[in-house]
């Protein structure tokens, strides 16, 4: 037993070790009893022993040898929580592997272990003491009201007639819908599985929507619509932290009314929409954690990246982007903390939260990495089929055009960049205007120049990295070029932040030029935002939605055929007079819509 010379902190840590060990054993026993019928021989005794150990940890006192070991090893409750998170991550990876081998369909224990791992790891770095919610509300209630209003308006634009606009369910939507209906039964029941690099966890979310609301276009498109809605407060949060309330408001307004963002929030075919809310959140927690040297915030960024891995490809881009940012910021950026002019001292103090975040990311993506190692074909599917290098496109294009590979790559980056302001959004859309309309594109250009000019300021450096990193990734690593107009969607929040910066610079200039006429400032800002809003909403709701431009002729035919068949009784025999171009079997939207 503990003695009078035992430090109280060591006693608390030893007790935490007993409780953590008991929880790990209890979870192992429960999962074994729940999942494997033959496990009763070892599961029941382990369950009983774990319960006894847990009771001892909660009510008894730790043995002296354990307490002294804690003292000698200088362990803390934080170390115990980190160790518990590692055990939960390993448990999730092992359980998922076993479930895959025995062909089990219910992966609920795996999800519990995985999310438990994230929660425990974040708890290890949580700030002690209660939060001052009243003080927070007094400081940010205005922001909350603005964000709530914009989010509500954005929700209206993205949810109204969601199943009817666009009126066509294209082939990719049909494929995703068909497989999502089976996500709880087949290989996609594993949250770490991949379908065309779409995460199994996300497919299960779509499948849950289909179970609740029925096999309808609305249910199929609900998940991307919610992701698009969530991008509005996420971008406001990031822009508010980086550049202040006015820039955040203008950026969020531009995103709310963006015709491209509205459209891709209303179709499940382009999963990049989820990067428009996940990446701003990752950026916010990353940069705020770095500035505050907060291991909790940086670990929160790691947790979001881990979830992002089970959604789509954006997580693979954000990790090297963060690493490159840290290297460049350490070399060229001005002091990140104005109160600490010694750059080396700042980075020495930031090393601990950076290390905690990096280790946490490894822990939290461990189950996903385990799956990817076992199924490299699924993980590299998109790169092998649509990658600039892996598909052989670069070599064959160089031979065809006579250009060097470097010239082709530079051309691809330029094409990806111009997809924002020049090339019309045709793929998976069908409008004759680019992603950014004329006014927004002009403001974006101003903001881009300003941001490049201020690159040595670490916040502008982050925004430049956010934007240019994604543009380069789209241009260098993906084909065909025609797909750039929807793949560049991942850079849209950064582009609209730059547009807001451009508008803000004009307003700052007006404030300095017309000091006696400050009333003109909100008029100019409001007028610019109203023009941008009207132009974008006209593109989508008047130009696009009122005409049949979504998908090719055979795509529309398949959607209309499936919709019609869905109105018939299940036992009805249907006969189709086909042509070489219009026939059944080319698009799975027929199967999805006909139910």
Foldseek 3Di string as FASTA:
>chain_A
DADPPQDPQLQLQLLLLLQLVLVLLLLVLVCCVVPPVVCCVPSVVSNVVSVVSNCCSVPNTGDHVSSVVCVVVVDGNLNSLLVSLLSLLVVLQVSLVVCVVVVPQASVSSVVSLVSSLVSNLVSQDDDDDDPVVVVCVVCVVVVVLLVVLLVLLLCLQQPPLQPVVPFAFQLLLVLLVVLLCCSRHPLSRQLDFDLQFASVVSVCLNVLCVVVNLGLSSSLVVLLVLLSLLLVLLLLLLCVLPRNQLSSQLSLLSSQQLLSSLRSSHPNFLLSNLSRLVSQLLNLCLVCLLVLRLSSLLVSLLSLLVVSRGGDPSVLVVVLSVVLVVCLLPQAQASHPVDRPSVVSVVSSVVSVVSNVVSNCSSNVSSVSVCVVPVCRVCVQLCCWWCVNVCVLVVVCVVPVDHSVVQLVVLLVLLVCQAAPQPLAVQAFFRGHSADDLLVVLLVQLVVVLVVNCSHSSSVSLCSLQSSQSSCRRNTGDDSSCSRSSSSSNSSSSSSSSSNSLVVVLVVCCVVCVPPNVVSVVVSVVSSVVSSVVSCCRRVVVGSVDNRRDDPLRRLLRVLLQVLLVDDPPDDDDDDADPRHDPDPGSNSVSSND
